[in-house]
Amino acid sequence: MSLANYETMDPIMLMSIVNMKIRDEFGDLESLVNYFEIDKDTLVTRLAAAGFDYLPQAKQFR
């Protein structure tokens, strides 16, 4: 699934997709945002507004 519309996607769906892609394909958030050419700060801020924080040690949003 593409993250091209991450700025308008439902935040719960976005969090789920991002976590799945980090776990299954990329290994960390930095690799994911580089691959999809996503602004990391925008993604983190968008998910934080929905109550999700990125935990670098766990490599996922919770």
PDB file of N, CA and C in Angstrom:
ATOM      1  N   MET A   1       0.839  -1.176   0.000  1.00  0.00           N
ATOM      2  CA  MET A   1       0.000   0.000   0.000  1.00  0.00           C
ATOM      3  C   MET A   1       0.886   1.242   0.000  1.00  0.00           C
ATOM      4  N   SER A   2       0.532   2.206  -0.804  1.00  0.00           N
ATOM      5  CA  SER A   2       1.289   3.440  -0.931  1.00  0.00           C
ATOM      6  C   SER A   2       0.950   4.406   0.198  1.00  0.00           C
ATOM      7  N   LEU A   3       1.904   5.214   0.531  1.00  0.00           N
ATOM      8  CA  LEU A   3       1.686   6.249   1.536  1.00  0.00           C
ATOM      9  C   LEU A   3       1.609   7.630   0.897  1.00  0.00           C
ATOM     10  N   ALA A   4       1.319   7.671  -0.393  1.00  0.00           N
ATOM     11  CA  ALA A   4       1.274   8.935  -1.134  1.00  0.00           C
ATOM     12  C   ALA A   4       0.269   9.921  -0.537  1.00  0.00           C
ATOM     13  N   ASN A   5      -0.818   9.427   0.024  1.00  0.00           N
ATOM     14  CA  ASN A   5      -1.844  10.310   0.585  1.00  0.00           C
ATOM     15  C   ASN A   5      -1.812  10.322   2.116  1.00  0.00           C
ATOM     16  N   TYR A   6      -0.621  10.179   2.694  1.00  0.00           N
ATOM     17  CA  TYR A   6      -0.499  10.090   4.147  1.00  0.00           C
ATOM     18  C   TYR A   6      -1.019  11.337   4.869  1.00  0.00           C
ATOM     19  N   GLU A   7      -1.015  12.474   4.204  1.00  0.00           N
ATOM     20  CA  GLU A   7      -1.461  13.708   4.856  1.00  0.00           C
ATOM     21  C   GLU A   7      -2.973  13.768   5.052  1.00  0.00           C
ATOM     22  N   THR A   8      -3.727  12.966   4.292  1.00  0.00           N
ATOM     23  CA  THR A   8      -5.191  12.980   4.415  1.00  0.00           C
ATOM     24  C   THR A   8      -5.753  11.634   4.862  1.00  0.00           C
ATOM     25  N   MET A   9      -4.905  10.645   5.010  1.00  0.00           N
ATOM     26  CA  MET A   9      -5.341   9.298   5.399  1.00  0.00           C
ATOM     27  C   MET A   9      -5.837   9.288   6.849  1.00  0.00           C
ATOM     28  N   ASP A  10      -6.783   8.429   7.141  1.00  0.00           N
ATOM     29  CA  ASP A  10      -7.253   8.230   8.511  1.00  0.00           C
ATOM     30  C   ASP A  10      -6.037   7.931   9.390  1.00  0.00           C
ATOM     31  N   PRO A  11      -5.855   8.648  10.505  1.00  0.00           N
ATOM     32  CA  PRO A  11      -4.642   8.482  11.305  1.00  0.00           C
ATOM     33  C   PRO A  11      -4.451   7.084  11.894  1.00  0.00           C
ATOM     34  N   ILE A  12      -5.528   6.406  12.230  1.00  0.00           N
ATOM     35  CA  ILE A  12      -5.392   5.053  12.779  1.00  0.00           C
ATOM     36  C   ILE A  12      -4.921   4.099  11.689  1.00  0.00           C
ATOM     37  N   MET A  13      -5.469   4.247  10.494  1.00  0.00           N
ATOM     38  CA  MET A  13      -5.034   3.432   9.366  1.00  0.00           C
ATOM     39  C   MET A  13      -3.584   3.755   9.013  1.00  0.00           C
ATOM     40  N   LEU A  14      -3.255   5.032   9.023  1.00  0.00           N
ATOM     41  CA  LEU A  14      -1.887   5.458   8.721  1.00  0.00           C
ATOM     42  C   LEU A  14      -0.899   4.846   9.710  1.00  0.00           C
ATOM     43  N   MET A  15      -1.195   4.931  10.996  1.00  0.00           N
ATOM     44  CA  MET A  15      -0.321   4.360  12.020  1.00  0.00           C
ATOM     45  C   MET A  15      -0.130   2.868  11.795  1.00  0.00           C
ATOM     46  N   SER A  16      -1.212   2.180  11.506  1.00  0.00           N
ATOM     47  CA  SER A  16      -1.153   0.739  11.280  1.00  0.00           C
ATOM     48  C   SER A  16      -0.277   0.397  10.074  1.00  0.00           C
ATOM     49  N   ILE A  17      -0.460   1.127   8.989  1.00  0.00           N
ATOM     50  CA  ILE A  17       0.318   0.871   7.769  1.00  0.00           C
ATOM     51  C   ILE A  17       1.793   1.183   7.996  1.00  0.00           C
ATOM     52  N   VAL A  18       2.066   2.320   8.628  1.00  0.00           N
ATOM     53  CA  VAL A  18       3.461   2.698   8.885  1.00  0.00           C
ATOM     54  C   VAL A  18       4.141   1.654   9.763  1.00  0.00           C
ATOM     55  N   ASN A  19       3.499   1.246  10.844  1.00  0.00           N
ATOM     56  CA  ASN A  19       4.090   0.234  11.720  1.00  0.00           C
ATOM     57  C   ASN A  19       4.332  -1.081  10.981  1.00  0.00           C
ATOM     58  N   MET A  20       3.375  -1.496  10.156  1.00  0.00           N
ATOM     59  CA  MET A  20       3.519  -2.738   9.402  1.00  0.00           C
ATOM     60  C   MET A  20       4.701  -2.632   8.430  1.00  0.00           C
ATOM     61  N   LYS A  21       4.787  -1.521   7.724  1.00  0.00           N
ATOM     62  CA  LYS A  21       5.868  -1.351   6.746  1.00  0.00           C
ATOM     63  C   LYS A  21       7.230  -1.284   7.423  1.00  0.00           C
ATOM     64  N   ILE A  22       7.320  -0.610   8.574  1.00  0.00           N
ATOM     65  CA  ILE A  22       8.585  -0.576   9.310  1.00  0.00           C
ATOM     66  C   ILE A  22       8.960  -1.993   9.731  1.00  0.00           C
ATOM     67  N   ARG A  23       8.018  -2.723  10.271  1.00  0.00           N
ATOM     68  CA  ARG A  23       8.272  -4.084  10.749  1.00  0.00           C
ATOM     69  C   ARG A  23       8.637  -5.036   9.612  1.00  0.00           C
ATOM     70  N   ASP A  24       7.871  -5.003   8.527  1.00  0.00           N
ATOM     71  CA  ASP A  24       8.010  -6.012   7.468  1.00  0.00           C
ATOM     72  C   ASP A  24       8.977  -5.646   6.346  1.00  0.00           C
ATOM     73  N   GLU A  25       9.180  -4.341   6.100  1.00  0.00           N
ATOM     74  CA  GLU A  25       9.942  -3.962   4.910  1.00  0.00           C
ATOM     75  C   GLU A  25      11.143  -3.063   5.158  1.00  0.00           C
ATOM     76  N   PHE A  26      11.086  -2.178   6.154  1.00  0.00           N
ATOM     77  CA  PHE A  26      12.100  -1.136   6.235  1.00  0.00           C
ATOM     78  C   PHE A  26      13.001  -1.183   7.461  1.00  0.00           C
ATOM     79  N   GLY A  27      12.541  -1.677   8.569  1.00  0.00           N
ATOM     80  CA  GLY A  27      13.385  -1.775   9.753  1.00  0.00           C
ATOM     81  C   GLY A  27      13.418  -0.541  10.637  1.00  0.00           C
ATOM     82  N   ASP A  28      13.207   0.651  10.046  1.00  0.00           N
ATOM     83  CA  ASP A  28      13.150   1.861  10.869  1.00  0.00           C
ATOM     84  C   ASP A  28      12.407   2.969  10.124  1.00  0.00           C
ATOM     85  N   LEU A  29      12.027   3.979  10.882  1.00  0.00           N
ATOM     86  CA  LEU A  29      11.234   5.074  10.327  1.00  0.00           C
ATOM     87  C   LEU A  29      12.017   5.854   9.275  1.00  0.00           C
ATOM     88  N   GLU A  30      13.285   6.064   9.516  1.00  0.00           N
ATOM     89  CA  GLU A  30      14.119   6.836   8.586  1.00  0.00           C
ATOM     90  C   GLU A  30      14.138   6.200   7.192  1.00  0.00           C
ATOM     91  N   SER A  31      14.283   4.887   7.128  1.00  0.00           N
ATOM     92  CA  SER A  31      14.290   4.190   5.836  1.00  0.00           C
ATOM     93  C   SER A  31      12.947   4.315   5.132  1.00  0.00           C
ATOM     94  N   LEU A  32      11.857   4.217   5.889  1.00  0.00           N
ATOM     95  CA  LEU A  32      10.520   4.326   5.311  1.00  0.00           C
ATOM     96  C   LEU A  32      10.286   5.707   4.705  1.00  0.00           C
ATOM     97  N   VAL A  33      10.595   6.766   5.462  1.00  0.00           N
ATOM     98  CA  VAL A  33      10.340   8.110   4.943  1.00  0.00           C
ATOM     99  C   VAL A  33      11.241   8.435   3.751  1.00  0.00           C
ATOM    100  N   ASN A  34      12.457   7.923   3.761  1.00  0.00           N
ATOM    101  CA  ASN A  34      13.348   8.130   2.618  1.00  0.00           C
ATOM    102  C   ASN A  34      12.817   7.435   1.376  1.00  0.00           C
ATOM    103  N   TYR A  35      12.357   6.209   1.514  1.00  0.00           N
ATOM    104  CA  TYR A  35      11.851   5.445   0.386  1.00  0.00           C
ATOM    105  C   TYR A  35      10.632   6.115  -0.246  1.00  0.00           C
ATOM    106  N   PHE A  36       9.677   6.532   0.590  1.00  0.00           N
ATOM    107  CA  PHE A  36       8.441   7.120   0.096  1.00  0.00           C
ATOM    108  C   PHE A  36       8.549   8.635  -0.123  1.00  0.00           C
ATOM    109  N   GLU A  37       9.724   9.202   0.156  1.00  0.00           N
ATOM    110  CA  GLU A  37       9.946  10.643   0.023  1.00  0.00           C
ATOM    111  C   GLU A  37       8.897  11.437   0.807  1.00  0.00           C
ATOM    112  N   ILE A  38       8.736  11.042   2.057  1.00  0.00           N
ATOM    113  CA  ILE A  38       7.792  11.664   2.980  1.00  0.00           C
ATOM    114  C   ILE A  38       8.583  12.553   3.942  1.00  0.00           C
ATOM    115  N   ASP A  39       8.015  13.696   4.288  1.00  0.00           N
ATOM    116  CA  ASP A  39       8.629  14.539   5.296  1.00  0.00           C
ATOM    117  C   ASP A  39       8.404  13.904   6.667  1.00  0.00           C
ATOM    118  N   LYS A  40       9.481  13.510   7.302  1.00  0.00           N
ATOM    119  CA  LYS A  40       9.397  12.794   8.583  1.00  0.00           C
ATOM    120  C   LYS A  40       8.681  13.620   9.646  1.00  0.00           C
ATOM    121  N   ASP A  41       9.009  14.908   9.739  1.00  0.00           N
ATOM    122  CA  ASP A  41       8.383  15.758  10.764  1.00  0.00           C
ATOM    123  C   ASP A  41       6.876  15.866  10.561  1.00  0.00           C
ATOM    124  N   THR A  42       6.453  15.966   9.310  1.00  0.00           N
ATOM    125  CA  THR A  42       5.019  16.042   9.011  1.00  0.00           C
ATOM    126  C   THR A  42       4.319  14.758   9.421  1.00  0.00           C
ATOM    127  N   LEU A  43       4.912  13.626   9.108  1.00  0.00           N
ATOM    128  CA  LEU A  43       4.324  12.329   9.473  1.00  0.00           C
ATOM    129  C   LEU A  43       4.238  12.178  10.985  1.00  0.00           C
ATOM    130  N   VAL A  44       5.335  12.469  11.675  1.00  0.00           N
ATOM    131  CA  VAL A  44       5.365  12.334  13.138  1.00  0.00           C
ATOM    132  C   VAL A  44       4.363  13.295  13.786  1.00  0.00           C
ATOM    133  N   THR A  45       4.291  14.519  13.299  1.00  0.00           N
ATOM    134  CA  THR A  45       3.350  15.508  13.839  1.00  0.00           C
ATOM    135  C   THR A  45       1.910  15.089  13.605  1.00  0.00           C
ATOM    136  N   ARG A  46       1.644  14.586  12.415  1.00  0.00           N
ATOM    137  CA  ARG A  46       0.280  14.139  12.080  1.00  0.00           C
ATOM    138  C   ARG A  46      -0.157  13.008  12.999  1.00  0.00           C
ATOM    139  N   LEU A  47       0.714  12.036  13.218  1.00  0.00           N
ATOM    140  CA  LEU A  47       0.362  10.920  14.095  1.00  0.00           C
ATOM    141  C   LEU A  47       0.330  11.349  15.565  1.00  0.00           C
ATOM    142  N   ALA A  48       1.188  12.274  15.953  1.00  0.00           N
ATOM    143  CA  ALA A  48       1.170  12.776  17.328  1.00  0.00           C
ATOM    144  C   ALA A  48      -0.151  13.496  17.622  1.00  0.00           C
ATOM    145  N   ALA A  49      -0.681  14.199  16.633  1.00  0.00           N
ATOM    146  CA  ALA A  49      -1.968  14.895  16.806  1.00  0.00           C
ATOM    147  C   ALA A  49      -3.100  13.907  17.049  1.00  0.00           C
ATOM    148  N   ALA A  50      -2.929  12.670  16.586  1.00  0.00           N
ATOM    149  CA  ALA A  50      -3.937  11.628  16.802  1.00  0.00           C
ATOM    150  C   ALA A  50      -3.634  10.814  18.062  1.00  0.00           C
ATOM    151  N   GLY A  51      -2.573  11.195  18.785  1.00  0.00           N
ATOM    152  CA  GLY A  51      -2.257  10.520  20.040  1.00  0.00           C
ATOM    153  C   GLY A  51      -1.206   9.437  19.941  1.00  0.00           C
ATOM    154  N   PHE A  52      -0.506   9.341  18.824  1.00  0.00           N
ATOM    155  CA  PHE A  52       0.506   8.298  18.637  1.00  0.00           C
ATOM    156  C   PHE A  52       1.904   8.909  18.663  1.00  0.00           C
ATOM    157  N   ASP A  53       2.773   8.343  19.470  1.00  0.00           N
ATOM    158  CA  ASP A  53       4.158   8.784  19.547  1.00  0.00           C
ATOM    159  C   ASP A  53       5.056   7.713  18.960  1.00  0.00           C
ATOM    160  N   TYR A  54       6.152   8.139  18.316  1.00  0.00           N
ATOM    161  CA  TYR A  54       7.103   7.178  17.780  1.00  0.00           C
ATOM    162  C   TYR A  54       8.076   6.781  18.880  1.00  0.00           C
ATOM    163  N   LEU A  55       8.217   5.489  19.074  1.00  0.00           N
ATOM    164  CA  LEU A  55       9.148   4.950  20.065  1.00  0.00           C
ATOM    165  C   LEU A  55      10.324   4.329  19.317  1.00  0.00           C
ATOM    166  N   PRO A  56      11.459   5.038  19.248  1.00  0.00           N
ATOM    167  CA  PRO A  56      12.596   4.544  18.466  1.00  0.00           C
ATOM    168  C   PRO A  56      13.090   3.159  18.895  1.00  0.00           C
ATOM    169  N   GLN A  57      13.067   2.874  20.198  1.00  0.00           N
ATOM    170  CA  GLN A  57      13.542   1.575  20.671  1.00  0.00           C
ATOM    171  C   GLN A  57      12.660   0.436  20.175  1.00  0.00           C
ATOM    172  N   ALA A  58      11.347   0.694  20.117  1.00  0.00           N
ATOM    173  CA  ALA A  58      10.397  -0.324  19.643  1.00  0.00           C
ATOM    174  C   ALA A  58      10.230  -0.264  18.124  1.00  0.00           C
ATOM    175  N   LYS A  59      10.695   0.846  17.523  1.00  0.00           N
ATOM    176  CA  LYS A  59      10.571   1.062  16.084  1.00  0.00           C
ATOM    177  C   LYS A  59       9.113   0.999  15.638  1.00  0.00           C
ATOM    178  N   GLN A  60       8.253   1.706  16.387  1.00  0.00           N
ATOM    179  CA  GLN A  60       6.846   1.775  16.032  1.00  0.00           C
ATOM    180  C   GLN A  60       6.156   2.945  16.719  1.00  0.00           C
ATOM    181  N   PHE A  61       5.007   3.290  16.181  1.00  0.00           N
ATOM    182  CA  PHE A  61       4.154   4.303  16.782  1.00  0.00           C
ATOM    183  C   PHE A  61       3.212   3.602  17.756  1.00  0.00           C
ATOM    184  N   ARG A  62       2.996   4.225  18.906  1.00  0.00           N
ATOM    185  CA  ARG A  62       2.039   3.695  19.887  1.00  0.00           C
ATOM    186  C   ARG A  62       1.272   4.854  20.490  1.00  0.00           C
TER     187      ARG A  62
END
